[in-house]
Amino acid sequence: MNNKGIKPRDLGVTSNYISMVRSGRARVGDGLLCLMLKLLTPEELQALLKGWVPEKRASLNDALRVIITAREDPEFREQFLTLLSRYLGDYVQAVGKT
């Protein structure tokens, strides 16, 4: 938050809540986590997750699980489409035109 100049109120929370999260006395809610993740560049996210996420490529089965989940869960679908648009939007549009 400090590096990006983000204030707690920008995220819809109080500074007291952020302090509690940092000290381990409160958990980060899913909504807040999603907001914070949207603020990261792909490089920052990769650095943050290094060691937590396997560095292998996803399989077609993984892709199908994501599609099935997106069809059943509107919130997941919205987040997934946002990621697709952000990282593959130009490619998807180009393929759609051909």
PDB file of N, CA and C in Angstrom:
ATOM      1  N   MET A   1       0.823  -1.184   0.000  1.00  0.00           N
ATOM      2  CA  MET A   1       0.000   0.000   0.000  1.00  0.00           C
ATOM      3  C   MET A   1       0.871   1.253   0.000  1.00  0.00           C
ATOM      4  N   ASN A   2       1.919   1.212   0.793  1.00  0.00           N
ATOM      5  CA  ASN A   2       2.790   2.382   0.873  1.00  0.00           C
ATOM      6  C   ASN A   2       3.477   2.659  -0.459  1.00  0.00           C
ATOM      7  N   ASN A   3       3.978   1.615  -1.121  1.00  0.00           N
ATOM      8  CA  ASN A   3       4.681   1.793  -2.386  1.00  0.00           C
ATOM      9  C   ASN A   3       3.785   2.356  -3.478  1.00  0.00           C
ATOM     10  N   LYS A   4       2.517   2.051  -3.436  1.00  0.00           N
ATOM     11  CA  LYS A   4       1.587   2.499  -4.476  1.00  0.00           C
ATOM     12  C   LYS A   4       0.786   3.733  -4.049  1.00  0.00           C
ATOM     13  N   GLY A   5       0.995   4.208  -2.824  1.00  0.00           N
ATOM     14  CA  GLY A   5       0.271   5.383  -2.349  1.00  0.00           C
ATOM     15  C   GLY A   5      -1.206   5.126  -2.109  1.00  0.00           C
ATOM     16  N   ILE A   6      -1.540   3.877  -1.794  1.00  0.00           N
ATOM     17  CA  ILE A   6      -2.943   3.511  -1.542  1.00  0.00           C
ATOM     18  C   ILE A   6      -3.257   3.724  -0.070  1.00  0.00           C
ATOM     19  N   LYS A   7      -4.361   4.355   0.194  1.00  0.00           N
ATOM     20  CA  LYS A   7      -4.810   4.575   1.569  1.00  0.00           C
ATOM     21  C   LYS A   7      -5.920   3.579   1.893  1.00  0.00           C
ATOM     22  N   PRO A   8      -6.076   3.237   3.180  1.00  0.00           N
ATOM     23  CA  PRO A   8      -7.150   2.300   3.555  1.00  0.00           C
ATOM     24  C   PRO A   8      -8.517   2.714   3.016  1.00  0.00           C
ATOM     25  N   ARG A   9      -8.813   4.008   3.055  1.00  0.00           N
ATOM     26  CA  ARG A   9     -10.130   4.465   2.579  1.00  0.00           C
ATOM     27  C   ARG A   9     -10.307   4.212   1.082  1.00  0.00           C
ATOM     28  N   ASP A  10      -9.182   4.171   0.318  1.00  0.00           N
ATOM     29  CA  ASP A  10      -9.266   3.840  -1.109  1.00  0.00           C
ATOM     30  C   ASP A  10      -9.779   2.414  -1.314  1.00  0.00           C
ATOM     31  N   LEU A  11      -9.562   1.568  -0.308  1.00  0.00           N
ATOM     32  CA  LEU A  11      -9.981   0.173  -0.365  1.00  0.00           C
ATOM     33  C   LEU A  11     -11.284  -0.068   0.392  1.00  0.00           C
ATOM     34  N   GLY A  12     -11.838   0.994   0.967  1.00  0.00           N
ATOM     35  CA  GLY A  12     -13.100   0.862   1.690  1.00  0.00           C
ATOM     36  C   GLY A  12     -12.959   0.283   3.085  1.00  0.00           C
ATOM     37  N   VAL A  13     -11.770   0.420   3.693  1.00  0.00           N
ATOM     38  CA  VAL A  13     -11.545  -0.087   5.049  1.00  0.00           C
ATOM     39  C   VAL A  13     -10.896   1.000   5.892  1.00  0.00           C
ATOM     40  N   THR A  14     -10.757   0.727   7.188  1.00  0.00           N
ATOM     41  CA  THR A  14     -10.127   1.683   8.088  1.00  0.00           C
ATOM     42  C   THR A  14      -8.653   1.341   8.282  1.00  0.00           C
ATOM     43  N   SER A  15      -7.897   2.314   8.737  1.00  0.00           N
ATOM     44  CA  SER A  15      -6.479   2.063   9.028  1.00  0.00           C
ATOM     45  C   SER A  15      -6.348   1.094  10.196  1.00  0.00           C
ATOM     46  N   ASN A  16      -7.305   1.096  11.117  1.00  0.00           N
ATOM     47  CA  ASN A  16      -7.302   0.157  12.237  1.00  0.00           C
ATOM     48  C   ASN A  16      -7.416  -1.281  11.720  1.00  0.00           C
ATOM     49  N   TYR A  17      -8.298  -1.493  10.742  1.00  0.00           N
ATOM     50  CA  TYR A  17      -8.460  -2.825  10.161  1.00  0.00           C
ATOM     51  C   TYR A  17      -7.164  -3.281   9.487  1.00  0.00           C
ATOM     52  N   ILE A  18      -6.533  -2.395   8.727  1.00  0.00           N
ATOM     53  CA  ILE A  18      -5.266  -2.739   8.062  1.00  0.00           C
ATOM     54  C   ILE A  18      -4.222  -3.104   9.101  1.00  0.00           C
ATOM     55  N   SER A  19      -4.175  -2.363  10.194  1.00  0.00           N
ATOM     56  CA  SER A  19      -3.231  -2.656  11.269  1.00  0.00           C
ATOM     57  C   SER A  19      -3.497  -4.039  11.861  1.00  0.00           C
ATOM     58  N   MET A  20      -4.765  -4.375  12.038  1.00  0.00           N
ATOM     59  CA  MET A  20      -5.121  -5.690  12.585  1.00  0.00           C
ATOM     60  C   MET A  20      -4.738  -6.809  11.616  1.00  0.00           C
ATOM     61  N   VAL A  21      -4.919  -6.575  10.324  1.00  0.00           N
ATOM     62  CA  VAL A  21      -4.536  -7.578   9.325  1.00  0.00           C
ATOM     63  C   VAL A  21      -3.031  -7.784   9.351  1.00  0.00           C
ATOM     64  N   ARG A  22      -2.291  -6.691   9.371  1.00  0.00           N
ATOM     65  CA  ARG A  22      -0.824  -6.780   9.363  1.00  0.00           C
ATOM     66  C   ARG A  22      -0.287  -7.490  10.605  1.00  0.00           C
ATOM     67  N   SER A  23      -0.968  -7.350  11.717  1.00  0.00           N
ATOM     68  CA  SER A  23      -0.503  -7.980  12.957  1.00  0.00           C
ATOM     69  C   SER A  23      -1.052  -9.396  13.128  1.00  0.00           C
ATOM     70  N   GLY A  24      -1.912  -9.838  12.193  1.00  0.00           N
ATOM     71  CA  GLY A  24      -2.467 -11.185  12.275  1.00  0.00           C
ATOM     72  C   GLY A  24      -3.704 -11.306  13.157  1.00  0.00           C
ATOM     73  N   ARG A  25      -4.253 -10.186  13.610  1.00  0.00           N
ATOM     74  CA  ARG A  25      -5.445 -10.221  14.463  1.00  0.00           C
ATOM     75  C   ARG A  25      -6.736 -10.217  13.665  1.00  0.00           C
ATOM     76  N   ALA A  26      -6.651 -10.009  12.353  1.00  0.00           N
ATOM     77  CA  ALA A  26      -7.830 -10.049  11.488  1.00  0.00           C
ATOM     78  C   ALA A  26      -7.424 -10.673  10.159  1.00  0.00           C
ATOM     79  N   ARG A  27      -8.390 -11.307   9.528  1.00  0.00           N
ATOM     80  CA  ARG A  27      -8.149 -11.922   8.217  1.00  0.00           C
ATOM     81  C   ARG A  27      -8.591 -10.967   7.117  1.00  0.00           C
ATOM     82  N   VAL A  28      -7.936 -11.063   5.974  1.00  0.00           N
ATOM     83  CA  VAL A  28      -8.322 -10.259   4.821  1.00  0.00           C
ATOM     84  C   VAL A  28      -9.530 -10.923   4.166  1.00  0.00           C
ATOM     85  N   GLY A  29     -10.586 -10.168   3.970  1.00  0.00           N
ATOM     86  CA  GLY A  29     -11.766 -10.695   3.301  1.00  0.00           C
ATOM     87  C   GLY A  29     -11.516 -10.875   1.806  1.00  0.00           C
ATOM     88  N   ASP A  30     -12.308 -11.723   1.177  1.00  0.00           N
ATOM     89  CA  ASP A  30     -12.137 -12.001  -0.251  1.00  0.00           C
ATOM     90  C   ASP A  30     -12.257 -10.743  -1.101  1.00  0.00           C
ATOM     91  N   GLY A  31     -13.224  -9.890  -0.789  1.00  0.00           N
ATOM     92  CA  GLY A  31     -13.421  -8.670  -1.570  1.00  0.00           C
ATOM     93  C   GLY A  31     -12.218  -7.747  -1.510  1.00  0.00           C
ATOM     94  N   LEU A  32     -11.678  -7.564  -0.301  1.00  0.00           N
ATOM     95  CA  LEU A  32     -10.509  -6.714  -0.136  1.00  0.00           C
ATOM     96  C   LEU A  32      -9.306  -7.329  -0.838  1.00  0.00           C
ATOM     97  N   LEU A  33      -9.143  -8.622  -0.719  1.00  0.00           N
ATOM     98  CA  LEU A  33      -8.028  -9.299  -1.376  1.00  0.00           C
ATOM     99  C   LEU A  33      -8.106  -9.102  -2.891  1.00  0.00           C
ATOM    100  N   CYS A  34      -9.283  -9.243  -3.456  1.00  0.00           N
ATOM    101  CA  CYS A  34      -9.447  -9.051  -4.902  1.00  0.00           C
ATOM    102  C   CYS A  34      -9.115  -7.617  -5.309  1.00  0.00           C
ATOM    103  N   LEU A  35      -9.561  -6.653  -4.518  1.00  0.00           N
ATOM    104  CA  LEU A  35      -9.233  -5.252  -4.809  1.00  0.00           C
ATOM    105  C   LEU A  35      -7.728  -5.023  -4.791  1.00  0.00           C
ATOM    106  N   MET A  36      -7.065  -5.588  -3.790  1.00  0.00           N
ATOM    107  CA  MET A  36      -5.621  -5.390  -3.664  1.00  0.00           C
ATOM    108  C   MET A  36      -4.871  -6.086  -4.797  1.00  0.00           C
ATOM    109  N   LEU A  37      -5.327  -7.270  -5.191  1.00  0.00           N
ATOM    110  CA  LEU A  37      -4.663  -7.990  -6.276  1.00  0.00           C
ATOM    111  C   LEU A  37      -4.793  -7.257  -7.604  1.00  0.00           C
ATOM    112  N   LYS A  38      -5.894  -6.554  -7.801  1.00  0.00           N
ATOM    113  CA  LYS A  38      -6.094  -5.794  -9.038  1.00  0.00           C
ATOM    114  C   LYS A  38      -5.090  -4.643  -9.159  1.00  0.00           C
ATOM    115  N   LEU A  39      -4.543  -4.210  -8.040  1.00  0.00           N
ATOM    116  CA  LEU A  39      -3.591  -3.105  -8.051  1.00  0.00           C
ATOM    117  C   LEU A  39      -2.180  -3.542  -8.438  1.00  0.00           C
ATOM    118  N   LEU A  40      -1.934  -4.853  -8.459  1.00  0.00           N
ATOM    119  CA  LEU A  40      -0.603  -5.363  -8.763  1.00  0.00           C
ATOM    120  C   LEU A  40      -0.385  -5.505 -10.261  1.00  0.00           C
ATOM    121  N   THR A  41       0.830  -5.238 -10.686  1.00  0.00           N
ATOM    122  CA  THR A  41       1.202  -5.529 -12.070  1.00  0.00           C
ATOM    123  C   THR A  41       1.433  -7.032 -12.173  1.00  0.00           C
ATOM    124  N   PRO A  42       1.428  -7.583 -13.377  1.00  0.00           N
ATOM    125  CA  PRO A  42       1.720  -9.016 -13.515  1.00  0.00           C
ATOM    126  C   PRO A  42       3.066  -9.400 -12.899  1.00  0.00           C
ATOM    127  N   GLU A  43       4.056  -8.536 -13.040  1.00  0.00           N
ATOM    128  CA  GLU A  43       5.377  -8.822 -12.482  1.00  0.00           C
ATOM    129  C   GLU A  43       5.350  -8.833 -10.956  1.00  0.00           C
ATOM    130  N   GLU A  44       4.625  -7.908 -10.363  1.00  0.00           N
ATOM    131  CA  GLU A  44       4.506  -7.874  -8.904  1.00  0.00           C
ATOM    132  C   GLU A  44       3.785  -9.106  -8.382  1.00  0.00           C
ATOM    133  N   LEU A  45       2.735  -9.504  -9.087  1.00  0.00           N
ATOM    134  CA  LEU A  45       1.992 -10.699  -8.681  1.00  0.00           C
ATOM    135  C   LEU A  45       2.867 -11.937  -8.787  1.00  0.00           C
ATOM    136  N   GLN A  46       3.620 -12.047  -9.859  1.00  0.00           N
ATOM    137  CA  GLN A  46       4.514 -13.191 -10.028  1.00  0.00           C
ATOM    138  C   GLN A  46       5.554 -13.233  -8.912  1.00  0.00           C
ATOM    139  N   ALA A  47       6.133 -12.089  -8.575  1.00  0.00           N
ATOM    140  CA  ALA A  47       7.125 -12.035  -7.496  1.00  0.00           C
ATOM    141  C   ALA A  47       6.495 -12.391  -6.155  1.00  0.00           C
ATOM    142  N   LEU A  48       5.284 -11.928  -5.930  1.00  0.00           N
ATOM    143  CA  LEU A  48       4.577 -12.200  -4.682  1.00  0.00           C
ATOM    144  C   LEU A  48       4.277 -13.685  -4.521  1.00  0.00           C
ATOM    145  N   LEU A  49       3.904 -14.339  -5.625  1.00  0.00           N
ATOM    146  CA  LEU A  49       3.494 -15.732  -5.571  1.00  0.00           C
ATOM    147  C   LEU A  49       4.636 -16.719  -5.785  1.00  0.00           C
ATOM    148  N   LYS A  50       5.819 -16.224  -6.055  1.00  0.00           N
ATOM    149  CA  LYS A  50       6.950 -17.124  -6.308  1.00  0.00           C
ATOM    150  C   LYS A  50       7.107 -18.082  -5.130  1.00  0.00           C
ATOM    151  N   GLY A  51       7.132 -19.348  -5.423  1.00  0.00           N
ATOM    152  CA  GLY A  51       7.253 -20.362  -4.392  1.00  0.00           C
ATOM    153  C   GLY A  51       5.913 -20.892  -3.906  1.00  0.00           C
ATOM    154  N   TRP A  52       4.832 -20.156  -4.161  1.00  0.00           N
ATOM    155  CA  TRP A  52       3.501 -20.574  -3.726  1.00  0.00           C
ATOM    156  C   TRP A  52       2.742 -21.250  -4.852  1.00  0.00           C
ATOM    157  N   VAL A  53       3.016 -20.826  -6.057  1.00  0.00           N
ATOM    158  CA  VAL A  53       2.299 -21.352  -7.210  1.00  0.00           C
ATOM    159  C   VAL A  53       3.266 -22.193  -8.033  1.00  0.00           C
ATOM    160  N   PRO A  54       2.878 -23.408  -8.372  1.00  0.00           N
ATOM    161  CA  PRO A  54       3.752 -24.233  -9.200  1.00  0.00           C
ATOM    162  C   PRO A  54       4.058 -23.535 -10.518  1.00  0.00           C
ATOM    163  N   GLU A  55       5.284 -23.647 -10.965  1.00  0.00           N
ATOM    164  CA  GLU A  55       5.675 -22.981 -12.197  1.00  0.00           C
ATOM    165  C   GLU A  55       5.509 -23.898 -13.401  1.00  0.00           C
ATOM    166  N   LYS A  56       4.478 -24.722 -13.382  1.00  0.00           N
ATOM    167  CA  LYS A  56       4.202 -25.560 -14.533  1.00  0.00           C
ATOM    168  C   LYS A  56       3.027 -24.973 -15.292  1.00  0.00           C
ATOM    169  N   ARG A  57       2.921 -25.356 -16.518  1.00  0.00           N
ATOM    170  CA  ARG A  57       1.835 -24.856 -17.349  1.00  0.00           C
ATOM    171  C   ARG A  57       0.532 -25.545 -16.973  1.00  0.00           C
ATOM    172  N   ALA A  58      -0.555 -24.825 -17.184  1.00  0.00           N
ATOM    173  CA  ALA A  58      -1.878 -25.383 -16.913  1.00  0.00           C
ATOM    174  C   ALA A  58      -2.229 -26.388 -18.004  1.00  0.00           C
ATOM    175  N   SER A  59      -2.995 -27.379 -17.626  1.00  0.00           N
ATOM    176  CA  SER A  59      -3.457 -28.385 -18.585  1.00  0.00           C
ATOM    177  C   SER A  59      -4.828 -27.972 -19.125  1.00  0.00           C
ATOM    178  N   LEU A  60      -5.288 -28.682 -20.130  1.00  0.00           N
ATOM    179  CA  LEU A  60      -6.646 -28.439 -20.631  1.00  0.00           C
ATOM    180  C   LEU A  60      -7.682 -28.766 -19.565  1.00  0.00           C
ATOM    181  N   ASN A  61      -7.397 -29.744 -18.712  1.00  0.00           N
ATOM    182  CA  ASN A  61      -8.303 -30.047 -17.603  1.00  0.00           C
ATOM    183  C   ASN A  61      -8.427 -28.860 -16.661  1.00  0.00           C
ATOM    184  N   ASP A  62      -7.301 -28.174 -16.403  1.00  0.00           N
ATOM    185  CA  ASP A  62      -7.335 -26.974 -15.564  1.00  0.00           C
ATOM    186  C   ASP A  62      -8.228 -25.919 -16.209  1.00  0.00           C
ATOM    187  N   ALA A  63      -8.082 -25.728 -17.519  1.00  0.00           N
ATOM    188  CA  ALA A  63      -8.886 -24.736 -18.237  1.00  0.00           C
ATOM    189  C   ALA A  63     -10.369 -25.083 -18.156  1.00  0.00           C
ATOM    190  N   LEU A  64     -10.684 -26.359 -18.313  1.00  0.00           N
ATOM    191  CA  LEU A  64     -12.087 -26.776 -18.225  1.00  0.00           C
ATOM    192  C   LEU A  64     -12.660 -26.543 -16.833  1.00  0.00           C
ATOM    193  N   ARG A  65     -11.875 -26.801 -15.794  1.00  0.00           N
ATOM    194  CA  ARG A  65     -12.341 -26.551 -14.422  1.00  0.00           C
ATOM    195  C   ARG A  65     -12.637 -25.067 -14.224  1.00  0.00           C
ATOM    196  N   VAL A  66     -11.794 -24.203 -14.796  1.00  0.00           N
ATOM    197  CA  VAL A  66     -12.016 -22.763 -14.688  1.00  0.00           C
ATOM    198  C   VAL A  66     -13.300 -22.378 -15.412  1.00  0.00           C
ATOM    199  N   ILE A  67     -13.513 -22.919 -16.603  1.00  0.00           N
ATOM    200  CA  ILE A  67     -14.720 -22.597 -17.369  1.00  0.00           C
ATOM    201  C   ILE A  67     -15.968 -23.083 -16.642  1.00  0.00           C
ATOM    202  N   ILE A  68     -15.929 -24.284 -16.105  1.00  0.00           N
ATOM    203  CA  ILE A  68     -17.082 -24.816 -15.364  1.00  0.00           C
ATOM    204  C   ILE A  68     -17.380 -23.938 -14.151  1.00  0.00           C
ATOM    205  N   THR A  69     -16.349 -23.557 -13.424  1.00  0.00           N
ATOM    206  CA  THR A  69     -16.538 -22.696 -12.257  1.00  0.00           C
ATOM    207  C   THR A  69     -17.092 -21.341 -12.671  1.00  0.00           C
ATOM    208  N   ALA A  70     -16.581 -20.791 -13.765  1.00  0.00           N
ATOM    209  CA  ALA A  70     -17.051 -19.481 -14.246  1.00  0.00           C
ATOM    210  C   ALA A  70     -18.524 -19.536 -14.646  1.00  0.00           C
ATOM    211  N   ARG A  71     -18.954 -20.640 -15.200  1.00  0.00           N
ATOM    212  CA  ARG A  71     -20.368 -20.769 -15.590  1.00  0.00           C
ATOM    213  C   ARG A  71     -21.278 -20.838 -14.380  1.00  0.00           C
ATOM    214  N   GLU A  72     -20.784 -21.409 -13.280  1.00  0.00           N
ATOM    215  CA  GLU A  72     -21.620 -21.630 -12.096  1.00  0.00           C
ATOM    216  C   GLU A  72     -21.553 -20.507 -11.070  1.00  0.00           C
ATOM    217  N   ASP A  73     -20.469 -19.728 -11.072  1.00  0.00           N
ATOM    218  CA  ASP A  73     -20.245 -18.727 -10.024  1.00  0.00           C
ATOM    219  C   ASP A  73     -20.088 -17.340 -10.652  1.00  0.00           C
ATOM    220  N   PRO A  74     -21.117 -16.487 -10.550  1.00  0.00           N
ATOM    221  CA  PRO A  74     -21.070 -15.167 -11.193  1.00  0.00           C
ATOM    222  C   PRO A  74     -19.894 -14.298 -10.737  1.00  0.00           C
ATOM    223  N   GLU A  75     -19.559 -14.331  -9.460  1.00  0.00           N
ATOM    224  CA  GLU A  75     -18.446 -13.500  -8.976  1.00  0.00           C
ATOM    225  C   GLU A  75     -17.122 -13.996  -9.559  1.00  0.00           C
ATOM    226  N   PHE A  76     -16.918 -15.306  -9.559  1.00  0.00           N
ATOM    227  CA  PHE A  76     -15.714 -15.882 -10.159  1.00  0.00           C
ATOM    228  C   PHE A  76     -15.659 -15.534 -11.648  1.00  0.00           C
ATOM    229  N   ARG A  77     -16.810 -15.651 -12.330  1.00  0.00           N
ATOM    230  CA  ARG A  77     -16.875 -15.363 -13.761  1.00  0.00           C
ATOM    231  C   ARG A  77     -16.439 -13.932 -14.040  1.00  0.00           C
ATOM    232  N   GLU A  78     -16.916 -12.996 -13.236  1.00  0.00           N
ATOM    233  CA  GLU A  78     -16.561 -11.590 -13.427  1.00  0.00           C
ATOM    234  C   GLU A  78     -15.050 -11.385 -13.258  1.00  0.00           C
ATOM    235  N   GLN A  79     -14.490 -11.980 -12.225  1.00  0.00           N
ATOM    236  CA  GLN A  79     -13.049 -11.854 -11.984  1.00  0.00           C
ATOM    237  C   GLN A  79     -12.243 -12.520 -13.094  1.00  0.00           C
ATOM    238  N   PHE A  80     -12.702 -13.680 -13.547  1.00  0.00           N
ATOM    239  CA  PHE A  80     -12.021 -14.404 -14.614  1.00  0.00           C
ATOM    240  C   PHE A  80     -12.054 -13.599 -15.917  1.00  0.00           C
ATOM    241  N   LEU A  81     -13.216 -13.052 -16.257  1.00  0.00           N
ATOM    242  CA  LEU A  81     -13.317 -12.256 -17.476  1.00  0.00           C
ATOM    243  C   LEU A  81     -12.479 -10.992 -17.407  1.00  0.00           C
ATOM    244  N   THR A  82     -12.385 -10.414 -16.216  1.00  0.00           N
ATOM    245  CA  THR A  82     -11.524  -9.247 -16.033  1.00  0.00           C
ATOM    246  C   THR A  82     -10.068  -9.613 -16.301  1.00  0.00           C
ATOM    247  N   LEU A  83      -9.637 -10.759 -15.771  1.00  0.00           N
ATOM    248  CA  LEU A  83      -8.268 -11.212 -16.019  1.00  0.00           C
ATOM    249  C   LEU A  83      -8.037 -11.516 -17.498  1.00  0.00           C
ATOM    250  N   LEU A  84      -8.991 -12.185 -18.131  1.00  0.00           N
ATOM    251  CA  LEU A  84      -8.862 -12.473 -19.561  1.00  0.00           C
ATOM    252  C   LEU A  84      -8.734 -11.182 -20.364  1.00  0.00           C
ATOM    253  N   SER A  85      -9.578 -10.239 -20.062  1.00  0.00           N
ATOM    254  CA  SER A  85      -9.550  -8.974 -20.779  1.00  0.00           C
ATOM    255  C   SER A  85      -8.225  -8.249 -20.557  1.00  0.00           C
ATOM    256  N   ARG A  86      -7.756  -8.261 -19.315  1.00  0.00           N
ATOM    257  CA  ARG A  86      -6.528  -7.543 -18.982  1.00  0.00           C
ATOM    258  C   ARG A  86      -5.294  -8.165 -19.640  1.00  0.00           C
ATOM    259  N   TYR A  87      -5.218  -9.493 -19.628  1.00  0.00           N
ATOM    260  CA  TYR A  87      -3.998 -10.144 -20.084  1.00  0.00           C
ATOM    261  C   TYR A  87      -4.082 -10.708 -21.500  1.00  0.00           C
ATOM    262  N   LEU A  88      -5.288 -10.961 -22.007  1.00  0.00           N
ATOM    263  CA  LEU A  88      -5.422 -11.553 -23.342  1.00  0.00           C
ATOM    264  C   LEU A  88      -6.416 -10.803 -24.222  1.00  0.00           C
ATOM    265  N   GLY A  89      -6.856  -9.629 -23.787  1.00  0.00           N
ATOM    266  CA  GLY A  89      -7.891  -8.893 -24.514  1.00  0.00           C
ATOM    267  C   GLY A  89      -7.560  -8.639 -25.968  1.00  0.00           C
ATOM    268  N   ASP A  90      -6.357  -8.147 -26.240  1.00  0.00           N
ATOM    269  CA  ASP A  90      -5.971  -7.856 -27.623  1.00  0.00           C
ATOM    270  C   ASP A  90      -5.945  -9.132 -28.463  1.00  0.00           C
ATOM    271  N   TYR A  91      -5.425 -10.203 -27.887  1.00  0.00           N
ATOM    272  CA  TYR A  91      -5.343 -11.475 -28.599  1.00  0.00           C
ATOM    273  C   TYR A  91      -6.736 -12.021 -28.905  1.00  0.00           C
ATOM    274  N   VAL A  92      -7.631 -11.966 -27.935  1.00  0.00           N
ATOM    275  CA  VAL A  92      -8.997 -12.467 -28.138  1.00  0.00           C
ATOM    276  C   VAL A  92      -9.711 -11.661 -29.208  1.00  0.00           C
ATOM    277  N   GLN A  93      -9.540 -10.350 -29.191  1.00  0.00           N
ATOM    278  CA  GLN A  93     -10.173  -9.506 -30.208  1.00  0.00           C
ATOM    279  C   GLN A  93      -9.622  -9.812 -31.597  1.00  0.00           C
ATOM    280  N   ALA A  94      -8.310 -10.012 -31.692  1.00  0.00           N
ATOM    281  CA  ALA A  94      -7.697 -10.325 -32.990  1.00  0.00           C
ATOM    282  C   ALA A  94      -8.189 -11.649 -33.535  1.00  0.00           C
ATOM    283  N   VAL A  95      -8.313 -12.649 -32.665  1.00  0.00           N
ATOM    284  CA  VAL A  95      -8.805 -13.958 -33.093  1.00  0.00           C
ATOM    285  C   VAL A  95     -10.264 -13.841 -33.517  1.00  0.00           C
ATOM    286  N   GLY A  96     -11.032 -13.061 -32.803  1.00  0.00           N
ATOM    287  CA  GLY A  96     -12.439 -12.880 -33.127  1.00  0.00           C
ATOM    288  C   GLY A  96     -12.643 -12.236 -34.490  1.00  0.00           C
ATOM    289  N   LYS A  97     -11.725 -11.384 -34.910  1.00  0.00           N
ATOM    290  CA  LYS A  97     -11.849 -10.703 -36.210  1.00  0.00           C
ATOM    291  C   LYS A  97     -11.476 -11.627 -37.365  1.00  0.00           C
ATOM    292  N   THR A  98     -10.700 -12.666 -37.088  1.00  0.00           N
ATOM    293  CA  THR A  98     -10.328 -13.587 -38.164  1.00  0.00           C
ATOM    294  C   THR A  98     -11.322 -14.682 -38.198  1.00  0.00           C
TER     295      THR A  98
END
